[in-house]
Amino acid sequence: MNDDSHGIRRGRKFDQVLAGAREVFLRDGFEGASVDDIARVAGVSKATLYNYFPDKRLLFMEVARAECRRAADEAEALIDDAAPVAEVLRLAGERIVAFAQSDLGQRMHRLCVAESDRFPALGQVFYESGPQLVRERLAVYLAKAVARGEVRIDDLNLAADQFAQLCKADLHDRAVFGIDPARAPREVARVVEGAVAMFMARYGV
């Protein structure tokens, strides 16, 4: 089965290759990871690896996309649709920050920026698996909160985007520019709590 949108082929050993690539990328980073190492850890030949992923960047982005979805699924599993909005937003904010500040999240962001001109598909995959996925999941929850009368929101997508951006205050810039990238938990909590408070001040009933 082909994935023509990203030049990826899927087959019996696809997940095996992906698991090996994840281990090597997390250990060595994008630049440090070699195709030989990935193939060895995955237990496949280089020919098999290249049959699925003709470009290392495609392989990295598929790993990143899978990690984004895994993080989103884990966060969604923890969310109780009937819980107060502030409580759900606090949990969502903590997850957003955790992934954005993770080693993989930072490497993915830097790679997309560096390769955006030569390989624009990377940016599209990053957006679809990151910001767009967050927006969709948050908007679904917020729609339920609106129906319960807990918040008043006309544009659900805009509100979801705004909350995600509020969670990046100070933290994102420091991580991108390498200034104290691993922020203390109390600093993360401070930013997330501020994001929740500002969101509720704007949309809370």
N, C-alpha and C. Protein backbone atom coordinates (compact mmCIF):
# COMPACT_ATOMS: atom_id res chain seq x y z
N MET A 1 0.86 -1.20 0.00
CA MET A 1 0.00 0.00 0.00
C MET A 1 0.89 1.24 0.00
N ASN A 2 0.61 2.20 -0.85
CA ASN A 2 1.41 3.40 -0.96
C ASN A 2 0.79 4.57 -0.21
N ASP A 3 1.62 5.46 0.27
CA ASP A 3 1.19 6.73 0.84
C ASP A 3 1.77 7.80 -0.07
N ASP A 4 1.07 8.09 -1.18
CA ASP A 4 1.60 8.96 -2.22
C ASP A 4 1.80 10.39 -1.73
N SER A 5 1.06 10.80 -0.71
CA SER A 5 1.15 12.18 -0.27
C SER A 5 2.51 12.50 0.34
N HIS A 6 3.22 11.50 0.83
CA HIS A 6 4.50 11.76 1.46
C HIS A 6 5.63 10.90 0.90
N GLY A 7 5.38 10.17 -0.18
CA GLY A 7 6.41 9.35 -0.77
C GLY A 7 6.78 8.14 0.06
N ILE A 8 5.87 7.70 0.90
CA ILE A 8 6.13 6.58 1.81
C ILE A 8 5.38 5.35 1.33
N ARG A 9 6.05 4.19 1.39
CA ARG A 9 5.40 2.91 1.09
C ARG A 9 5.20 2.15 2.39
N ARG A 10 4.06 1.51 2.52
CA ARG A 10 3.77 0.75 3.74
C ARG A 10 3.76 -0.74 3.43
N GLY A 11 4.20 -1.51 4.38
CA GLY A 11 4.24 -2.95 4.20
C GLY A 11 4.34 -3.68 5.52
N ARG A 12 4.67 -4.96 5.45
CA ARG A 12 4.65 -5.83 6.63
C ARG A 12 5.62 -5.37 7.72
N LYS A 13 6.78 -4.83 7.34
CA LYS A 13 7.79 -4.43 8.31
C LYS A 13 7.81 -2.93 8.58
N PHE A 14 6.75 -2.25 8.17
CA PHE A 14 6.70 -0.80 8.32
C PHE A 14 6.84 -0.39 9.79
N ASP A 15 6.03 -0.98 10.66
CA ASP A 15 6.08 -0.63 12.09
C ASP A 15 7.42 -1.00 12.71
N GLN A 16 8.02 -2.07 12.23
CA GLN A 16 9.33 -2.48 12.72
C GLN A 16 10.39 -1.44 12.39
N VAL A 17 10.35 -0.94 11.16
CA VAL A 17 11.28 0.11 10.74
C VAL A 17 11.04 1.37 11.57
N LEU A 18 9.79 1.71 11.78
CA LEU A 18 9.44 2.92 12.53
C LEU A 18 9.94 2.84 13.97
N ALA A 19 9.80 1.67 14.59
CA ALA A 19 10.24 1.50 15.97
C ALA A 19 11.76 1.64 16.08
N GLY A 20 12.48 1.07 15.13
CA GLY A 20 13.93 1.20 15.13
C GLY A 20 14.38 2.63 14.90
N ALA A 21 13.70 3.31 13.99
CA ALA A 21 14.04 4.71 13.70
C ALA A 21 13.77 5.58 14.91
N ARG A 22 12.69 5.34 15.61
CA ARG A 22 12.38 6.12 16.81
C ARG A 22 13.49 6.00 17.84
N GLU A 23 13.95 4.78 18.07
CA GLU A 23 15.02 4.55 19.05
C GLU A 23 16.30 5.29 18.65
N VAL A 24 16.68 5.22 17.39
CA VAL A 24 17.93 5.85 16.94
C VAL A 24 17.81 7.37 16.91
N PHE A 25 16.68 7.90 16.45
CA PHE A 25 16.51 9.36 16.40
C PHE A 25 16.52 9.97 17.80
N LEU A 26 15.86 9.31 18.74
CA LEU A 26 15.84 9.82 20.10
C LEU A 26 17.22 9.74 20.76
N ARG A 27 18.00 8.77 20.34
CA ARG A 27 19.33 8.60 20.91
C ARG A 27 20.36 9.53 20.26
N ASP A 28 20.31 9.64 18.93
CA ASP A 28 21.36 10.35 18.19
C ASP A 28 20.91 11.65 17.54
N GLY A 29 19.61 11.95 17.55
CA GLY A 29 19.13 13.13 16.85
C GLY A 29 19.05 12.87 15.35
N PHE A 30 18.53 13.85 14.62
CA PHE A 30 18.35 13.67 13.18
C PHE A 30 19.68 13.60 12.44
N GLU A 31 20.55 14.56 12.68
CA GLU A 31 21.83 14.61 11.97
C GLU A 31 22.72 13.44 12.34
N GLY A 32 22.70 13.05 13.61
CA GLY A 32 23.58 11.98 14.06
C GLY A 32 23.11 10.59 13.69
N ALA A 33 21.85 10.43 13.37
CA ALA A 33 21.30 9.11 13.04
C ALA A 33 21.72 8.70 11.63
N SER A 34 22.23 7.50 11.51
CA SER A 34 22.60 6.99 10.19
C SER A 34 21.60 5.94 9.75
N VAL A 35 21.44 5.82 8.45
CA VAL A 35 20.52 4.82 7.91
C VAL A 35 21.00 3.42 8.28
N ASP A 36 22.32 3.22 8.32
CA ASP A 36 22.87 1.91 8.71
C ASP A 36 22.43 1.54 10.12
N ASP A 37 22.54 2.51 11.05
CA ASP A 37 22.14 2.24 12.43
C ASP A 37 20.65 1.95 12.55
N ILE A 38 19.86 2.73 11.82
CA ILE A 38 18.41 2.53 11.87
C ILE A 38 18.04 1.15 11.37
N ALA A 39 18.63 0.75 10.25
CA ALA A 39 18.34 -0.57 9.69
C ALA A 39 18.76 -1.67 10.65
N ARG A 40 19.94 -1.50 11.28
CA ARG A 40 20.43 -2.52 12.21
C ARG A 40 19.51 -2.65 13.42
N VAL A 41 19.15 -1.51 14.04
CA VAL A 41 18.28 -1.55 15.21
C VAL A 41 16.90 -2.09 14.86
N ALA A 42 16.43 -1.76 13.67
CA ALA A 42 15.10 -2.22 13.24
C ALA A 42 15.11 -3.69 12.82
N GLY A 43 16.31 -4.22 12.58
CA GLY A 43 16.40 -5.62 12.16
C GLY A 43 15.97 -5.86 10.73
N VAL A 44 16.25 -4.87 9.87
CA VAL A 44 15.91 -4.99 8.45
C VAL A 44 17.12 -4.60 7.61
N SER A 45 17.07 -4.89 6.33
CA SER A 45 18.15 -4.48 5.44
C SER A 45 17.95 -3.03 5.02
N LYS A 46 19.04 -2.40 4.54
CA LYS A 46 18.91 -1.02 4.06
C LYS A 46 17.96 -0.97 2.88
N ALA A 47 17.96 -2.01 2.07
CA ALA A 47 17.07 -2.03 0.92
C ALA A 47 15.61 -2.00 1.36
N THR A 48 15.29 -2.76 2.41
CA THR A 48 13.93 -2.76 2.94
C THR A 48 13.57 -1.39 3.48
N LEU A 49 14.50 -0.78 4.24
CA LEU A 49 14.24 0.54 4.80
C LEU A 49 13.97 1.55 3.69
N TYR A 50 14.81 1.55 2.68
CA TYR A 50 14.64 2.51 1.58
C TYR A 50 13.39 2.21 0.76
N ASN A 51 12.94 0.98 0.79
CA ASN A 51 11.71 0.64 0.08
C ASN A 51 10.52 1.33 0.71
N TYR A 52 10.57 1.48 2.05
CA TYR A 52 9.49 2.15 2.76
C TYR A 52 9.70 3.66 2.82
N PHE A 53 10.94 4.06 3.04
CA PHE A 53 11.26 5.49 3.22
C PHE A 53 12.45 5.87 2.35
N PRO A 54 12.22 6.49 1.19
CA PRO A 54 13.32 6.85 0.29
C PRO A 54 14.17 8.01 0.80
N ASP A 55 13.76 8.66 1.87
CA ASP A 55 14.48 9.83 2.38
C ASP A 55 14.46 9.80 3.90
N LYS A 56 15.60 10.08 4.53
CA LYS A 56 15.68 10.06 6.00
C LYS A 56 14.76 11.09 6.62
N ARG A 57 14.55 12.20 5.93
CA ARG A 57 13.66 13.22 6.47
C ARG A 57 12.23 12.71 6.56
N LEU A 58 11.82 11.93 5.56
CA LEU A 58 10.48 11.34 5.59
C LEU A 58 10.34 10.38 6.77
N LEU A 59 11.38 9.62 7.01
CA LEU A 59 11.35 8.68 8.12
C LEU A 59 11.27 9.43 9.46
N PHE A 60 12.05 10.49 9.60
CA PHE A 60 12.01 11.28 10.82
C PHE A 60 10.63 11.87 11.04
N MET A 61 10.03 12.40 9.98
CA MET A 61 8.72 13.03 10.12
C MET A 61 7.64 12.01 10.42
N GLU A 62 7.79 10.79 9.91
CA GLU A 62 6.80 9.76 10.22
C GLU A 62 6.91 9.36 11.70
N VAL A 63 8.15 9.30 12.21
CA VAL A 63 8.34 9.03 13.64
C VAL A 63 7.72 10.15 14.46
N ALA A 64 7.99 11.39 14.06
CA ALA A 64 7.46 12.54 14.79
C ALA A 64 5.93 12.57 14.73
N ARG A 65 5.38 12.26 13.57
CA ARG A 65 3.92 12.24 13.44
C ARG A 65 3.30 11.18 14.35
N ALA A 66 3.92 10.02 14.41
CA ALA A 66 3.42 8.96 15.27
C ALA A 66 3.51 9.36 16.74
N GLU A 67 4.60 10.05 17.12
CA GLU A 67 4.76 10.50 18.50
C GLU A 67 3.72 11.56 18.85
N CYS A 68 3.46 12.48 17.93
CA CYS A 68 2.44 13.51 18.15
C CYS A 68 1.08 12.87 18.40
N ARG A 69 0.75 11.90 17.56
CA ARG A 69 -0.56 11.26 17.69
C ARG A 69 -0.63 10.45 18.98
N ARG A 70 0.47 9.78 19.33
CA ARG A 70 0.49 9.01 20.57
C ARG A 70 0.28 9.93 21.77
N ALA A 71 0.97 11.07 21.78
CA ALA A 71 0.82 12.02 22.88
C ALA A 71 -0.60 12.55 22.96
N ALA A 72 -1.18 12.85 21.79
CA ALA A 72 -2.55 13.37 21.74
C ALA A 72 -3.55 12.32 22.23
N ASP A 73 -3.33 11.07 21.83
CA ASP A 73 -4.23 9.99 22.24
C ASP A 73 -4.16 9.75 23.75
N GLU A 74 -2.92 9.82 24.30
CA GLU A 74 -2.76 9.63 25.74
C GLU A 74 -3.45 10.75 26.52
N ALA A 75 -3.29 11.98 26.02
CA ALA A 75 -3.93 13.11 26.69
C ALA A 75 -5.45 12.99 26.62
N GLU A 76 -5.96 12.60 25.46
CA GLU A 76 -7.40 12.48 25.29
C GLU A 76 -7.97 11.39 26.19
N ALA A 77 -7.20 10.32 26.38
CA ALA A 77 -7.67 9.22 27.24
C ALA A 77 -7.80 9.66 28.69
N LEU A 78 -7.01 10.66 29.08
CA LEU A 78 -7.05 11.15 30.46
C LEU A 78 -8.14 12.19 30.69
N ILE A 79 -8.68 12.71 29.61
CA ILE A 79 -9.65 13.79 29.73
C ILE A 79 -11.06 13.26 29.98
N ASP A 80 -11.68 13.78 30.98
CA ASP A 80 -13.07 13.46 31.29
C ASP A 80 -13.93 14.59 30.70
N ASP A 81 -14.75 14.25 29.72
CA ASP A 81 -15.56 15.27 29.04
C ASP A 81 -16.47 16.03 29.99
N ALA A 82 -16.78 15.42 31.11
CA ALA A 82 -17.68 16.07 32.07
C ALA A 82 -16.93 16.91 33.09
N ALA A 83 -15.59 16.88 33.04
CA ALA A 83 -14.79 17.64 34.02
C ALA A 83 -14.88 19.13 33.73
N PRO A 84 -14.65 19.99 34.75
CA PRO A 84 -14.68 21.44 34.54
C PRO A 84 -13.68 21.86 33.47
N VAL A 85 -14.03 22.92 32.74
CA VAL A 85 -13.20 23.37 31.63
C VAL A 85 -11.78 23.69 32.08
N ALA A 86 -11.64 24.40 33.18
CA ALA A 86 -10.31 24.79 33.65
C ALA A 86 -9.44 23.57 33.92
N GLU A 87 -10.04 22.53 34.46
CA GLU A 87 -9.29 21.31 34.77
C GLU A 87 -8.80 20.63 33.50
N VAL A 88 -9.67 20.55 32.50
CA VAL A 88 -9.30 19.93 31.23
C VAL A 88 -8.24 20.74 30.51
N LEU A 89 -8.40 22.06 30.52
CA LEU A 89 -7.41 22.92 29.86
C LEU A 89 -6.05 22.82 30.53
N ARG A 90 -6.05 22.71 31.85
CA ARG A 90 -4.78 22.59 32.57
C ARG A 90 -4.05 21.31 32.15
N LEU A 91 -4.78 20.22 32.05
CA LEU A 91 -4.19 18.96 31.62
C LEU A 91 -3.70 19.07 30.18
N ALA A 92 -4.53 19.65 29.32
CA ALA A 92 -4.14 19.80 27.91
C ALA A 92 -2.91 20.68 27.78
N GLY A 93 -2.87 21.76 28.56
CA GLY A 93 -1.73 22.66 28.51
C GLY A 93 -0.45 21.99 28.94
N GLU A 94 -0.52 21.18 29.97
CA GLU A 94 0.67 20.46 30.44
C GLU A 94 1.19 19.52 29.36
N ARG A 95 0.28 18.88 28.65
CA ARG A 95 0.68 17.95 27.58
C ARG A 95 1.27 18.71 26.39
N ILE A 96 0.68 19.84 26.06
CA ILE A 96 1.19 20.65 24.94
C ILE A 96 2.62 21.09 25.22
N VAL A 97 2.84 21.58 26.42
CA VAL A 97 4.18 22.05 26.78
C VAL A 97 5.17 20.89 26.84
N ALA A 98 4.74 19.77 27.40
CA ALA A 98 5.64 18.62 27.54
C ALA A 98 6.16 18.17 26.19
N PHE A 99 5.28 18.09 25.20
CA PHE A 99 5.75 17.65 23.88
C PHE A 99 6.57 18.73 23.19
N ALA A 100 6.12 19.97 23.27
CA ALA A 100 6.84 21.06 22.61
C ALA A 100 8.26 21.20 23.14
N GLN A 101 8.46 20.90 24.43
CA GLN A 101 9.78 21.04 25.03
C GLN A 101 10.58 19.74 25.03
N SER A 102 9.99 18.67 24.53
CA SER A 102 10.72 17.40 24.47
C SER A 102 11.81 17.48 23.42
N ASP A 103 12.77 16.59 23.52
CA ASP A 103 13.87 16.56 22.56
C ASP A 103 13.35 16.34 21.15
N LEU A 104 12.40 15.41 21.00
CA LEU A 104 11.86 15.14 19.67
C LEU A 104 11.08 16.33 19.15
N GLY A 105 10.28 16.96 20.00
CA GLY A 105 9.51 18.12 19.58
C GLY A 105 10.39 19.25 19.10
N GLN A 106 11.49 19.51 19.82
CA GLN A 106 12.40 20.57 19.42
C GLN A 106 13.14 20.22 18.13
N ARG A 107 13.58 18.98 18.00
CA ARG A 107 14.28 18.57 16.77
C ARG A 107 13.35 18.68 15.56
N MET A 108 12.10 18.29 15.75
CA MET A 108 11.14 18.34 14.66
C MET A 108 10.91 19.79 14.23
N HIS A 109 10.77 20.68 15.20
CA HIS A 109 10.54 22.09 14.89
C HIS A 109 11.73 22.67 14.14
N ARG A 110 12.94 22.41 14.61
CA ARG A 110 14.14 22.96 13.97
C ARG A 110 14.31 22.41 12.55
N LEU A 111 14.01 21.12 12.38
CA LEU A 111 14.16 20.52 11.06
C LEU A 111 13.18 21.13 10.07
N CYS A 112 11.95 21.34 10.51
CA CYS A 112 10.94 21.93 9.61
C CYS A 112 11.34 23.34 9.19
N VAL A 113 11.86 24.12 10.12
CA VAL A 113 12.28 25.48 9.79
C VAL A 113 13.47 25.45 8.83
N ALA A 114 14.44 24.57 9.09
CA ALA A 114 15.65 24.51 8.26
C ALA A 114 15.36 24.00 6.85
N GLU A 115 14.40 23.08 6.73
CA GLU A 115 14.16 22.43 5.44
C GLU A 115 12.91 22.94 4.73
N SER A 116 12.29 23.98 5.24
CA SER A 116 11.00 24.42 4.70
C SER A 116 11.06 24.81 3.22
N ASP A 117 12.16 25.41 2.80
CA ASP A 117 12.27 25.82 1.40
C ASP A 117 12.52 24.63 0.48
N ARG A 118 13.43 23.74 0.89
CA ARG A 118 13.79 22.61 0.04
C ARG A 118 12.78 21.47 0.11
N PHE A 119 12.10 21.35 1.23
CA PHE A 119 11.21 20.21 1.44
C PHE A 119 9.95 20.67 2.17
N PRO A 120 9.08 21.42 1.48
CA PRO A 120 7.90 21.99 2.13
C PRO A 120 6.94 20.96 2.71
N ALA A 121 6.99 19.72 2.21
CA ALA A 121 6.09 18.69 2.74
C ALA A 121 6.34 18.45 4.22
N LEU A 122 7.57 18.69 4.69
CA LEU A 122 7.87 18.51 6.10
C LEU A 122 7.02 19.43 6.96
N GLY A 123 6.92 20.68 6.53
CA GLY A 123 6.12 21.64 7.28
C GLY A 123 4.66 21.24 7.33
N GLN A 124 4.16 20.72 6.23
CA GLN A 124 2.76 20.31 6.19
C GLN A 124 2.51 19.16 7.16
N VAL A 125 3.42 18.18 7.17
CA VAL A 125 3.27 17.05 8.07
C VAL A 125 3.35 17.51 9.53
N PHE A 126 4.30 18.41 9.81
CA PHE A 126 4.45 18.92 11.17
C PHE A 126 3.18 19.63 11.62
N TYR A 127 2.61 20.46 10.73
CA TYR A 127 1.40 21.20 11.10
C TYR A 127 0.23 20.25 11.32
N GLU A 128 0.07 19.28 10.42
CA GLU A 128 -1.07 18.37 10.51
C GLU A 128 -0.98 17.48 11.75
N SER A 129 0.23 17.07 12.11
CA SER A 129 0.38 16.16 13.24
C SER A 129 0.55 16.88 14.57
N GLY A 130 0.80 18.19 14.52
CA GLY A 130 0.98 18.97 15.73
C GLY A 130 -0.13 19.97 15.96
N PRO A 131 0.06 21.22 15.51
CA PRO A 131 -0.94 22.28 15.78
C PRO A 131 -2.35 21.94 15.32
N GLN A 132 -2.49 21.36 14.13
CA GLN A 132 -3.84 21.06 13.63
C GLN A 132 -4.50 19.99 14.48
N LEU A 133 -3.74 18.98 14.88
CA LEU A 133 -4.32 17.91 15.70
C LEU A 133 -4.75 18.44 17.06
N VAL A 134 -3.92 19.30 17.66
CA VAL A 134 -4.27 19.91 18.94
C VAL A 134 -5.55 20.72 18.80
N ARG A 135 -5.62 21.51 17.73
CA ARG A 135 -6.82 22.33 17.50
C ARG A 135 -8.06 21.45 17.39
N GLU A 136 -7.99 20.39 16.61
CA GLU A 136 -9.15 19.54 16.40
C GLU A 136 -9.62 18.89 17.70
N ARG A 137 -8.68 18.37 18.49
CA ARG A 137 -9.06 17.69 19.73
C ARG A 137 -9.64 18.69 20.74
N LEU A 138 -9.01 19.86 20.85
CA LEU A 138 -9.52 20.87 21.79
C LEU A 138 -10.88 21.39 21.35
N ALA A 139 -11.05 21.62 20.06
CA ALA A 139 -12.31 22.17 19.56
C ALA A 139 -13.47 21.22 19.85
N VAL A 140 -13.23 19.92 19.73
CA VAL A 140 -14.27 18.94 20.01
C VAL A 140 -14.71 19.03 21.48
N TYR A 141 -13.73 19.12 22.38
CA TYR A 141 -14.07 19.24 23.80
C TYR A 141 -14.78 20.57 24.09
N LEU A 142 -14.26 21.65 23.53
CA LEU A 142 -14.84 22.97 23.80
C LEU A 142 -16.29 23.05 23.31
N ALA A 143 -16.58 22.37 22.21
CA ALA A 143 -17.95 22.36 21.71
C ALA A 143 -18.89 21.75 22.74
N LYS A 144 -18.43 20.71 23.42
CA LYS A 144 -19.25 20.08 24.46
C LYS A 144 -19.41 21.02 25.66
N ALA A 145 -18.33 21.75 25.99
CA ALA A 145 -18.40 22.69 27.11
C ALA A 145 -19.35 23.84 26.79
N VAL A 146 -19.38 24.26 25.52
CA VAL A 146 -20.31 25.30 25.09
C VAL A 146 -21.75 24.78 25.24
N ALA A 147 -21.98 23.55 24.83
CA ALA A 147 -23.32 22.97 24.91
C ALA A 147 -23.80 22.87 26.37
N ARG A 148 -22.86 22.69 27.30
CA ARG A 148 -23.21 22.63 28.72
C ARG A 148 -23.37 24.01 29.34
N GLY A 149 -23.03 25.03 28.59
CA GLY A 149 -23.16 26.40 29.08
C GLY A 149 -22.01 26.85 29.97
N GLU A 150 -20.87 26.16 29.91
CA GLU A 150 -19.74 26.52 30.77
C GLU A 150 -18.86 27.61 30.16
N VAL A 151 -18.85 27.69 28.84
CA VAL A 151 -18.09 28.72 28.14
C VAL A 151 -18.95 29.24 26.98
N ARG A 152 -18.61 30.44 26.53
CA ARG A 152 -19.31 31.03 25.39
C ARG A 152 -18.27 31.32 24.31
N ILE A 153 -18.28 30.52 23.25
CA ILE A 153 -17.27 30.62 22.18
C ILE A 153 -17.97 30.60 20.83
N ASP A 154 -17.70 31.60 20.02
CA ASP A 154 -18.26 31.64 18.67
C ASP A 154 -17.38 30.89 17.67
N ASP A 155 -16.07 31.03 17.81
CA ASP A 155 -15.12 30.40 16.88
C ASP A 155 -14.29 29.39 17.66
N LEU A 156 -14.67 28.14 17.59
CA LEU A 156 -14.01 27.09 18.37
C LEU A 156 -12.55 26.89 17.95
N ASN A 157 -12.30 26.90 16.65
CA ASN A 157 -10.94 26.70 16.17
C ASN A 157 -10.01 27.82 16.62
N LEU A 158 -10.50 29.04 16.55
CA LEU A 158 -9.70 30.18 16.99
C LEU A 158 -9.40 30.08 18.49
N ALA A 159 -10.39 29.73 19.27
CA ALA A 159 -10.20 29.61 20.71
C ALA A 159 -9.18 28.52 21.04
N ALA A 160 -9.27 27.39 20.32
CA ALA A 160 -8.31 26.30 20.55
C ALA A 160 -6.90 26.74 20.20
N ASP A 161 -6.75 27.45 19.09
CA ASP A 161 -5.44 27.96 18.68
C ASP A 161 -4.90 28.96 19.70
N GLN A 162 -5.77 29.81 20.18
CA GLN A 162 -5.34 30.81 21.16
C GLN A 162 -4.81 30.15 22.43
N PHE A 163 -5.50 29.12 22.90
CA PHE A 163 -5.05 28.46 24.12
C PHE A 163 -3.69 27.81 23.92
N ALA A 164 -3.52 27.14 22.79
CA ALA A 164 -2.23 26.49 22.51
C ALA A 164 -1.10 27.51 22.47
N GLN A 165 -1.36 28.68 21.89
CA GLN A 165 -0.34 29.72 21.83
C GLN A 165 -0.05 30.31 23.21
N LEU A 166 -1.08 30.46 24.02
CA LEU A 166 -0.88 30.97 25.37
C LEU A 166 0.05 30.05 26.18
N CYS A 167 -0.03 28.77 25.90
CA CYS A 167 0.80 27.81 26.62
C CYS A 167 2.27 27.89 26.22
N LYS A 168 2.57 28.60 25.14
CA LYS A 168 3.95 28.72 24.68
C LYS A 168 4.64 29.97 25.22
N ALA A 169 3.91 30.82 25.90
CA ALA A 169 4.46 32.10 26.36
C ALA A 169 5.80 31.89 27.07
N ASP A 170 6.82 32.56 26.60
CA ASP A 170 8.17 32.52 27.17
C ASP A 170 8.84 31.17 26.96
N LEU A 171 8.15 30.08 27.22
CA LEU A 171 8.74 28.75 27.14
C LEU A 171 9.24 28.43 25.74
N HIS A 172 8.43 28.73 24.72
CA HIS A 172 8.77 28.38 23.34
C HIS A 172 10.01 29.12 22.86
N ASP A 173 10.03 30.43 23.07
CA ASP A 173 11.17 31.22 22.59
C ASP A 173 12.46 30.79 23.26
N ARG A 174 12.41 30.53 24.54
CA ARG A 174 13.61 30.11 25.26
C ARG A 174 14.12 28.77 24.74
N ALA A 175 13.20 27.86 24.45
CA ALA A 175 13.60 26.56 23.95
C ALA A 175 14.19 26.67 22.54
N VAL A 176 13.55 27.45 21.68
CA VAL A 176 14.02 27.61 20.30
C VAL A 176 15.41 28.22 20.25
N PHE A 177 15.66 29.22 21.09
CA PHE A 177 16.95 29.91 21.06
C PHE A 177 17.97 29.29 22.01
N GLY A 178 17.62 28.14 22.61
CA GLY A 178 18.57 27.44 23.45
C GLY A 178 18.86 28.12 24.77
N ILE A 179 17.95 28.95 25.23
CA ILE A 179 18.12 29.64 26.51
C ILE A 179 17.34 28.88 27.58
N ASP A 180 18.04 28.15 28.40
CA ASP A 180 17.39 27.38 29.46
C ASP A 180 16.23 26.58 28.90
N PRO A 181 16.51 25.68 27.91
CA PRO A 181 15.42 24.95 27.25
C PRO A 181 14.62 24.03 28.16
N ALA A 182 15.26 23.48 29.20
CA ALA A 182 14.54 22.59 30.12
C ALA A 182 14.05 23.40 31.31
N ARG A 183 12.88 23.97 31.19
CA ARG A 183 12.36 24.82 32.25
C ARG A 183 11.89 24.00 33.44
N ALA A 184 12.02 24.59 34.62
CA ALA A 184 11.60 23.92 35.84
C ALA A 184 10.09 23.72 35.84
N PRO A 185 9.63 22.65 36.49
CA PRO A 185 8.19 22.38 36.53
C PRO A 185 7.38 23.56 37.04
N ARG A 186 7.90 24.31 38.00
CA ARG A 186 7.14 25.44 38.54
C ARG A 186 6.96 26.53 37.48
N GLU A 187 7.94 26.68 36.58
CA GLU A 187 7.81 27.67 35.51
C GLU A 187 6.78 27.22 34.49
N VAL A 188 6.78 25.94 34.19
CA VAL A 188 5.78 25.40 33.26
C VAL A 188 4.39 25.57 33.86
N ALA A 189 4.25 25.24 35.14
CA ALA A 189 2.95 25.38 35.81
C ALA A 189 2.49 26.83 35.80
N ARG A 190 3.43 27.75 36.00
CA ARG A 190 3.10 29.18 35.99
C ARG A 190 2.53 29.61 34.65
N VAL A 191 3.16 29.16 33.57
CA VAL A 191 2.69 29.53 32.23
C VAL A 191 1.34 28.90 31.93
N VAL A 192 1.20 27.61 32.25
CA VAL A 192 -0.06 26.91 31.98
C VAL A 192 -1.21 27.50 32.79
N GLU A 193 -0.97 27.77 34.06
CA GLU A 193 -2.01 28.38 34.89
C GLU A 193 -2.42 29.75 34.35
N GLY A 194 -1.43 30.51 33.88
CA GLY A 194 -1.73 31.81 33.28
C GLY A 194 -2.56 31.68 32.03
N ALA A 195 -2.24 30.65 31.22
CA ALA A 195 -2.99 30.41 29.99
C ALA A 195 -4.45 30.06 30.30
N VAL A 196 -4.64 29.20 31.29
CA VAL A 196 -6.00 28.80 31.69
C VAL A 196 -6.78 30.00 32.21
N ALA A 197 -6.14 30.80 33.06
CA ALA A 197 -6.81 31.96 33.65
C ALA A 197 -7.21 32.96 32.57
N MET A 198 -6.31 33.22 31.62
CA MET A 198 -6.63 34.19 30.57
C MET A 198 -7.74 33.66 29.65
N PHE A 199 -7.67 32.36 29.33
CA PHE A 199 -8.69 31.77 28.48
C PHE A 199 -10.06 31.85 29.14
N MET A 200 -10.13 31.52 30.42
CA MET A 200 -11.41 31.54 31.12
C MET A 200 -11.92 32.96 31.31
N ALA A 201 -11.00 33.91 31.45
CA ALA A 201 -11.42 35.31 31.57
C ALA A 201 -12.07 35.78 30.29
N ARG A 202 -11.63 35.26 29.17
CA ARG A 202 -12.18 35.66 27.87
C ARG A 202 -13.45 34.87 27.52
N TYR A 203 -13.46 33.58 27.78
CA TYR A 203 -14.56 32.74 27.30
C TYR A 203 -15.45 32.16 28.41
N GLY A 204 -15.04 32.24 29.64
CA GLY A 204 -15.84 31.65 30.71
C GLY A 204 -17.16 32.36 30.90
N VAL A 205 -18.16 31.62 31.32
CA VAL A 205 -19.49 32.20 31.56
C VAL A 205 -19.60 32.53 33.03
